[in-house]
C-alpha atoms as a PDB file:
ATOM      1  CA  MET A   1     137.940 -93.835-137.700  1.00  0.00           C
ATOM      2  CA  ASP A   2     139.793 -90.929-139.085  1.00  0.00           C
ATOM      3  CA  LYS A   3     141.308 -88.064-137.247  1.00  0.00           C
ATOM      4  CA  LYS A   4     138.481 -85.732-137.798  1.00  0.00           C
ATOM      5  CA  GLU A   5     135.919 -88.081-136.414  1.00  0.00           C
ATOM      6  CA  LEU A   6     138.102 -88.801-133.421  1.00  0.00           C
ATOM      7  CA  LYS A   7     138.506 -85.124-132.744  1.00  0.00           C
ATOM      8  CA  GLU A   8     134.796 -84.560-132.936  1.00  0.00           C
ATOM      9  CA  GLU A   9     134.101 -87.477-130.626  1.00  0.00           C
ATOM     10  CA  VAL A  10     136.659 -86.244-128.081  1.00  0.00           C
ATOM     11  CA  LYS A  11     135.113 -82.792-128.285  1.00  0.00           C
ATOM     12  CA  ALA A  12     131.660 -84.230-127.684  1.00  0.00           C
ATOM     13  CA  ILE A  13     132.939 -86.146-124.653  1.00  0.00           C
ATOM     14  CA  VAL A  14     134.619 -83.023-123.266  1.00  0.00           C
ATOM     15  CA  ASP A  15     131.484 -80.948-123.832  1.00  0.00           C
ATOM     16  CA  GLU A  16     129.433 -83.566-122.090  1.00  0.00           C
ATOM     17  CA  LEU A  17     131.791 -83.576-119.149  1.00  0.00           C
ATOM     18  CA  LEU A  18     131.742 -79.792-118.944  1.00  0.00           C
ATOM     19  CA  LYS A  19     128.016 -79.788-119.171  1.00  0.00           C
ATOM     20  CA  ASP A  20     127.746 -82.314-116.339  1.00  0.00           C
ATOM     21  CA  LYS A  21     130.126 -80.225-114.243  1.00  0.00           C
ATOM     22  CA  GLU A  22     128.161 -77.010-114.819  1.00  0.00           C
ATOM     23  CA  GLU A  23     124.948 -78.754-113.969  1.00  0.00           C
ATOM     24  CA  ALA A  24     126.490 -80.127-110.801  1.00  0.00           C
ATOM     25  CA  GLU A  25     127.797 -76.688-109.807  1.00  0.00           C
ATOM     26  CA  PHE A  26     124.458 -75.120-110.638  1.00  0.00           C
ATOM     27  CA  THR A  27     122.651 -77.767-108.629  1.00  0.00           C
ATOM     28  CA  ASP A  28     124.945 -77.204-105.671  1.00  0.00           C
ATOM     29  CA  LYS A  29     124.485 -73.478-105.936  1.00  0.00           C
ATOM     30  CA  LEU A  30     120.735 -73.850-106.254  1.00  0.00           C
ATOM     31  CA  GLU A  31     120.558 -76.128-103.255  1.00  0.00           C
ATOM     32  CA  SER A  32     122.696 -73.721-101.263  1.00  0.00           C
ATOM     33  CA  THR A  33     120.460 -70.812-102.288  1.00  0.00           C
ATOM     34  CA  LEU A  34     117.329 -72.781-101.482  1.00  0.00           C
ATOM     35  CA  THR A  35     118.758 -73.677 -98.088  1.00  0.00           C
ATOM     36  CA  GLU A  36     119.551 -70.045 -97.456  1.00  0.00           C
ATOM     37  CA  TYR A  37     116.055 -68.978 -98.526  1.00  0.00           C
ATOM     38  CA  LYS A  38     114.520 -71.642 -96.326  1.00  0.00           C
ATOM     39  CA  THR A  39     116.549 -70.333 -93.388  1.00  0.00           C
ATOM     40  CA  GLN A  40     115.436 -66.767 -94.110  1.00  0.00           C
ATOM     41  CA  ILE A  41     111.824 -67.899 -94.493  1.00  0.00           C
ATOM     42  CA  ALA A  42     112.084 -69.768 -91.195  1.00  0.00           C
ATOM     43  CA  ASP A  43     113.508 -66.654 -89.545  1.00  0.00           C
ATOM     44  CA  ILE A  44     110.792 -64.449 -91.036  1.00  0.00           C
ATOM     45  CA  THR A  45     108.148 -66.974 -90.032  1.00  0.00           C
ATOM     46  CA  GLN A  46     109.468 -66.911 -86.482  1.00  0.00           C
ATOM     47  CA  GLN A  47     109.490 -63.117 -86.482  1.00  0.00           C
ATOM     48  CA  VAL A  48     105.913 -63.059 -87.753  1.00  0.00           C
ATOM     49  CA  SER A  49     104.971 -65.562 -85.074  1.00  0.00           C
ATOM     50  CA  ASP A  50     106.650 -63.399 -82.459  1.00  0.00           C
ATOM     51  CA  LYS A  51     104.858 -60.314 -83.764  1.00  0.00           C
ATOM     52  CA  ASP A  52     101.556 -62.171 -83.716  1.00  0.00           C
ATOM     53  CA  ALA A  53     102.154 -63.092 -80.091  1.00  0.00           C
ATOM     54  CA  GLU A  54     103.082 -59.472 -79.341  1.00  0.00           C
ATOM     55  CA  ILE A  55      99.939 -58.260 -81.117  1.00  0.00           C
ATOM     56  CA  VAL A  56      97.841 -60.700 -79.101  1.00  0.00           C
ATOM     57  CA  GLY A  57      99.456 -59.381 -75.920  1.00  0.00           C
ATOM     58  CA  LEU A  58      98.852 -55.789 -76.945  1.00  0.00           C
ATOM     59  CA  LYS A  59      95.232 -56.569 -77.815  1.00  0.00           C
ATOM     60  CA  SER A  60      94.807 -58.127 -74.390  1.00  0.00           C
ATOM     61  CA  GLN A  61      96.301 -55.023 -72.759  1.00  0.00           C
ATOM     62  CA  LEU A  62      94.086 -52.813 -74.906  1.00  0.00           C
ATOM     63  CA  GLU A  63      91.004 -54.728 -73.826  1.00  0.00           C
ATOM     64  CA  GLU A  64      92.052 -54.427 -70.185  1.00  0.00           C
ATOM     65  CA  LYS A  65      92.696 -50.706 -70.583  1.00  0.00           C
ATOM     66  CA  SER A  66      89.362 -50.263 -72.371  1.00  0.00           C
ATOM     67  CA  ALA A  67      87.559 -52.111 -69.598  1.00  0.00           C
ATOM     68  CA  ARG A  68      89.378 -50.009 -66.989  1.00  0.00           C
ATOM     69  CA  LEU A  69      88.549 -46.820 -68.907  1.00  0.00           C
ATOM     70  CA  THR A  70      84.883 -47.804 -69.038  1.00  0.00           C
ATOM     71  CA  SER A  71      84.971 -48.499 -65.306  1.00  0.00           C
ATOM     72  CA  LEU A  72      86.640 -45.139 -64.644  1.00  0.00           C
ATOM     73  CA  GLU A  73      84.090 -43.334 -66.814  1.00  0.00           C
ATOM     74  CA  GLU A  74      81.306 -44.969 -64.805  1.00  0.00           C
ATOM     75  CA  GLU A  75      83.048 -43.945 -61.573  1.00  0.00           C
ATOM     76  CA  VAL A  76      83.429 -40.386 -62.883  1.00  0.00           C
ATOM     77  CA  THR A  77      79.722 -40.293 -63.771  1.00  0.00           C
ATOM     78  CA  GLN A  78      78.815 -41.577 -60.304  1.00  0.00           C
ATOM     79  CA  LEU A  79      81.155 -39.062 -58.671  1.00  0.00           C
ATOM     80  CA  LYS A  80      79.624 -36.233 -60.712  1.00  0.00           C
ATOM     81  CA  SER A  81      76.170 -37.300 -59.573  1.00  0.00           C
ATOM     82  CA  THR A  82      77.404 -37.474 -55.986  1.00  0.00           C
ATOM     83  CA  VAL A  83      79.000 -34.018 -56.259  1.00  0.00           C
ATOM     84  CA  GLU A  84      75.787 -32.585 -57.718  1.00  0.00           C
ATOM     85  CA  ALA A  85      73.738 -34.175 -54.945  1.00  0.00           C
ATOM     86  CA  LEU A  86      76.133 -32.908 -52.261  1.00  0.00           C
ATOM     87  CA  THR A  87      76.169 -29.431 -53.818  1.00  0.00           C
ATOM     88  CA  SER A  88      72.382 -29.353 -53.837  1.00  0.00           C
ATOM     89  CA  GLU A  89      72.306 -30.604 -50.241  1.00  0.00           C
ATOM     90  CA  LYS A  90      74.887 -27.979 -49.253  1.00  0.00           C
ATOM     91  CA  GLU A  91      72.797 -25.214 -50.843  1.00  0.00           C
ATOM     92  CA  SER A  92      69.698 -26.522 -49.083  1.00  0.00           C
ATOM     93  CA  ILE A  93      71.518 -26.651 -45.730  1.00  0.00           C
ATOM     94  CA  SER A  94      72.963 -23.177 -46.345  1.00  0.00           C
ATOM     95  CA  THR A  95      69.472 -21.850 -47.068  1.00  0.00           C
ATOM     96  CA  GLU A  96      68.087 -23.527 -43.949  1.00  0.00           C
ATOM     97  CA  LYS A  97      71.006 -22.112 -41.926  1.00  0.00           C
ATOM     98  CA  SER A  98      70.310 -18.607 -43.231  1.00  0.00           C
ATOM     99  CA  GLU A  99      66.608 -18.975 -42.460  1.00  0.00           C
ATOM    100  CA  LEU A 100      67.347 -20.248 -38.949  1.00  0.00           C
ATOM    101  CA  GLU A 101      69.855 -17.448 -38.364  1.00  0.00           C
ATOM    102  CA  GLN A 102      67.254 -14.921 -39.514  1.00  0.00           C
ATOM    103  CA  LYS A 103      64.616 -16.500 -37.260  1.00  0.00           C
ATOM    104  CA  LEU A 104      67.050 -16.415 -34.342  1.00  0.00           C
ATOM    105  CA  LEU A 105      67.890 -12.792 -35.091  1.00  0.00           C
ATOM    106  CA  ASN A 106      64.180 -11.942 -35.228  1.00  0.00           C
ATOM    107  CA  ILE A 107      63.579 -13.739 -31.912  1.00  0.00           C
ATOM    108  CA  GLU A 108      66.490 -11.869 -30.332  1.00  0.00           C
ATOM    109  CA  LYS A 109      65.204  -8.566 -31.722  1.00  0.00           C
ATOM    110  CA  ASP A 110      61.686  -9.360 -30.460  1.00  0.00           C
ATOM    111  CA  ASN A 111      63.011 -10.188 -26.988  1.00  0.00           C
ATOM    112  CA  VAL A 112      65.137  -7.041 -26.887  1.00  0.00           C
ATOM    113  CA  ALA A 113      62.161  -4.985 -28.113  1.00  0.00           C
ATOM    114  CA  LYS A 114      59.942  -6.430 -25.341  1.00  0.00           C
ATOM    115  CA  GLU A 115      62.589  -5.639 -22.724  1.00  0.00           C
ATOM    116  CA  ARG A 116      62.900  -2.083 -24.050  1.00  0.00           C
ATOM    117  CA  VAL A 117      59.129  -1.531 -24.081  1.00  0.00           C
ATOM    118  CA  ASN A 118      58.941  -2.863 -20.515  1.00  0.00           C
ATOM    119  CA  GLN A 119      61.566  -0.278 -19.601  1.00  0.00           C
ATOM    120  CA  LEU A 120      59.425   2.434 -21.161  1.00  0.00           C
ATOM    121  CA  ILE A 121      56.329   1.207 -19.309  1.00  0.00           C
ATOM    122  CA  GLU A 122      58.144   0.893 -15.965  1.00  0.00           C
ATOM    123  CA  ALA A 123      59.517   4.427 -16.432  1.00  0.00           C
ATOM    124  CA  SER A 124      55.937   5.665 -17.117  1.00  0.00           C
ATOM    125  CA  LEU A 125      57.002   6.866 -20.541  1.00  0.00           C
ATOM    126  CA  ILE A 126      54.230   5.042 -22.459  1.00  0.00           C
ATOM    127  CA  LYS A 127      50.826   3.624 -21.632  1.00  0.00           C
ATOM    128  CA  ASN A 128      50.509  -0.067 -20.844  1.00  0.00           C
ATOM    129  CA  GLU A 129      47.994  -0.702 -23.610  1.00  0.00           C
ATOM    130  CA  HIS A 130      48.150  -3.243 -26.422  1.00  0.00           C
ATOM    131  CA  GLU A 131      47.956  -0.725 -29.270  1.00  0.00           C
ATOM    132  CA  VAL A 132      50.625   1.495 -27.734  1.00  0.00           C
ATOM    133  CA  ILE A 133      52.851  -1.475 -26.905  1.00  0.00           C
ATOM    134  CA  GLU A 134      52.650  -2.798 -30.478  1.00  0.00           C
ATOM    135  CA  LYS A 135      53.533   0.633 -31.882  1.00  0.00           C
ATOM    136  CA  TYR A 136      56.576   1.008 -29.632  1.00  0.00           C
ATOM    137  CA  LEU A 137      57.704  -2.577 -30.219  1.00  0.00           C
ATOM    138  CA  ALA A 138      58.027  -1.734 -33.905  1.00  0.00           C
ATOM    139  CA  ARG A 139      59.656   1.591 -33.086  1.00  0.00           C
ATOM    140  CA  VAL A 140      62.450   0.298 -30.849  1.00  0.00           C
ATOM    141  CA  ARG A 141      62.971  -3.151 -32.409  1.00  0.00           C
ATOM    142  CA  ASP A 142      65.701  -2.249 -34.889  1.00  0.00           C
ATOM    143  CA  LYS A 143      67.509   0.357 -32.836  1.00  0.00           C
ATOM    144  CA  SER A 144      71.051  -0.293 -31.648  1.00  0.00           C
ATOM    145  CA  ASP A 145      71.786  -0.165 -27.922  1.00  0.00           C
ATOM    146  CA  ASP A 146      73.264   3.312 -28.316  1.00  0.00           C
ATOM    147  CA  GLU A 147      70.298   4.503 -30.371  1.00  0.00           C
ATOM    148  CA  PHE A 148      67.843   3.160 -27.810  1.00  0.00           C
ATOM    149  CA  ALA A 149      69.787   4.742 -24.952  1.00  0.00           C
ATOM    150  CA  GLY A 150      69.522   8.107 -26.730  1.00  0.00           C
ATOM    151  CA  TYR A 151      65.845   7.491 -27.471  1.00  0.00           C
ATOM    152  CA  LEU A 152      65.165   6.595 -23.816  1.00  0.00           C
ATOM    153  CA  ALA A 153      66.989   9.721 -22.659  1.00  0.00           C
ATOM    154  CA  GLU A 154      64.945  11.845 -25.056  1.00  0.00           C
ATOM    155  CA  LEU A 155      61.659  10.329 -23.892  1.00  0.00           C
ATOM    156  CA  THR A 156      62.695  10.868 -20.283  1.00  0.00           C
ATOM    157  CA  GLU A 157      63.522  14.488 -21.026  1.00  0.00           C
ATOM    158  CA  ILE A 158      60.123  14.978 -22.676  1.00  0.00           C
ATOM    159  CA  ARG A 159      58.431  13.229 -19.759  1.00  0.00           C
ATOM    160  CA  ASP A 160      60.217  15.493 -17.296  1.00  0.00           C
ATOM    161  CA  SER A 161      59.225  18.541 -19.342  1.00  0.00           C
ATOM    162  CA  VAL A 162      55.596  17.421 -19.342  1.00  0.00           C
ATOM    163  CA  VAL A 163      55.669  16.781 -15.576  1.00  0.00           C
ATOM    164  CA  SER A 164      57.131  20.224 -15.043  1.00  0.00           C
ATOM    165  CA  SER A 165      54.486  21.809 -17.254  1.00  0.00           C
ATOM    166  CA  LEU A 166      51.696  20.009 -15.389  1.00  0.00           C
ATOM    167  CA  LYS A 167      52.618  21.595 -12.062  1.00  0.00           C
ATOM    168  CA  VAL A 168      49.959  24.113 -11.147  1.00  0.00           C
ATOM    169  CA  GLU A 169      49.636  26.644  -8.402  1.00  0.00           C
ATOM    170  CA  PRO A 170      47.947  25.516  -5.148  1.00  0.00           C
ATOM    171  CA  GLU A 171      44.859  27.573  -5.795  1.00  0.00           C
ATOM    172  CA  LYS A 172      44.493  26.075  -9.275  1.00  0.00           C
ATOM    173  CA  GLU A 173      44.870  22.617  -7.833  1.00  0.00           C
ATOM    174  CA  GLU A 174      42.066  23.350  -5.396  1.00  0.00           C
ATOM    175  CA  ALA A 175      39.897  24.496  -8.264  1.00  0.00           C
ATOM    176  CA  VAL A 176      40.661  21.330 -10.152  1.00  0.00           C
ATOM    177  CA  GLU A 177      39.888  19.219  -7.098  1.00  0.00           C
ATOM    178  CA  LYS A 178      36.481  20.837  -6.813  1.00  0.00           C
ATOM    179  CA  LYS A 179      35.633  20.068 -10.412  1.00  0.00           C
ATOM    180  CA  GLU A 180      37.265  16.662 -10.836  1.00  0.00           C
ATOM    181  CA  GLU A 181      38.479  13.763  -8.771  1.00  0.00           C
ATOM    182  CA  PRO A 182      42.062  13.916  -7.452  1.00  0.00           C
ATOM    183  CA  VAL A 183      44.736  12.701  -9.884  1.00  0.00           C
ATOM    184  CA  LYS A 184      47.400  10.514  -8.329  1.00  0.00           C
ATOM    185  CA  ASP A 185      49.779  10.540 -11.320  1.00  0.00           C
ATOM    186  CA  PRO A 186      49.650  13.814 -13.309  1.00  0.00           C
ATOM    187  CA  LEU A 187      51.898  12.429 -16.075  1.00  0.00           C
ATOM    188  CA  GLN A 188      49.864   9.258 -16.569  1.00  0.00           C
ATOM    189  CA  ALA A 189      46.684  11.321 -16.448  1.00  0.00           C
ATOM    190  CA  ALA A 190      48.034  13.566 -19.160  1.00  0.00           C
ATOM    191  CA  LEU A 191      49.147  10.605 -21.236  1.00  0.00           C
ATOM    192  CA  ASN A 192      45.680   9.086 -20.867  1.00  0.00           C
ATOM    193  CA  PHE A 193      44.008  12.464 -21.489  1.00  0.00           C
ATOM    194  CA  GLU A 194      42.181  12.222 -18.161  1.00  0.00           C
ATOM    195  CA  ILE A 195      42.598  15.929 -17.427  1.00  0.00           C
ATOM    196  CA  GLN A 196      42.171  18.982 -19.586  1.00  0.00           C
ATOM    197  CA  PRO A 197      45.233  21.234 -19.182  1.00  0.00           C
ATOM    198  CA  PRO A 198      45.204  24.859 -20.300  1.00  0.00           C
ATOM    199  CA  GLU A 199      45.251  25.542 -24.051  1.00  0.00           C
ATOM    200  CA  GLU A 200      48.917  26.582 -24.066  1.00  0.00           C
ATOM    201  CA  LEU A 201      49.908  23.444 -22.176  1.00  0.00           C
ATOM    202  CA  THR A 202      47.794  21.329 -24.506  1.00  0.00           C
ATOM    203  CA  LYS A 203      49.603  22.828 -27.502  1.00  0.00           C
ATOM    204  CA  LYS A 204      52.977  22.270 -25.902  1.00  0.00           C
ATOM    205  CA  TYR A 205      52.162  18.667 -25.019  1.00  0.00           C
ATOM    206  CA  GLN A 206      50.793  17.967 -28.516  1.00  0.00           C
ATOM    207  CA  GLU A 207      53.989  19.381 -30.019  1.00  0.00           C
ATOM    208  CA  MET A 208      56.104  17.170 -27.741  1.00  0.00           C
ATOM    209  CA  ALA A 209      53.921  14.182 -28.491  1.00  0.00           C
ATOM    210  CA  SER A 210      54.221  14.874 -32.210  1.00  0.00           C
ATOM    211  CA  ASN A 211      57.997  14.985 -31.962  1.00  0.00           C
ATOM    212  CA  LEU A 212      57.965  11.795 -29.934  1.00  0.00           C
ATOM    213  CA  VAL A 213      55.925   9.915 -32.494  1.00  0.00           C
ATOM    214  CA  THR A 214      58.324  10.803 -35.301  1.00  0.00           C
ATOM    215  CA  LYS A 215      61.370   9.278 -33.555  1.00  0.00           C
END
């Protein structure tokens, strides 16, 4: 073997050794990288697993919240219906209350009117007849106490004026007695038109009566 061949053989051996060394280093590096990747993959897998568990938990919470929301919506609907029913009932009760108050007021007014008409009858200011009573019930029903007091005073004044006007001289009374039966109550007789007073007195009484009716 010459020198050249020996040199080439040595070079081939060296190259082979270098090649084996590079492959070994590459293999080590590759294994190290693969190990690192496996670790990262394991970490990522664990993170994904953790996220999946978190998602499952959140889904469970969402379902609970949705169920609760549905329940609350149903409660709200029921409460709205209850409020509407109570509002309607309140309006109905309020209407009934108003009607009862009005009925009570009417009863009180009717009672007061009856008492006032009885006063008028007892004072001989009006005739104790159904038609007259009904007319005066309507007339005094809505008056205030002060208004009725003034009205009563006015009627009394008119009554007194009529009584005064009905007084006649003794000789005229005798003439009347001859023609007609004695009159116990001149005012009531005049109110009932049981006597025929003189024309002037008739006019005066009609004027007073007309004023009385318009009150």
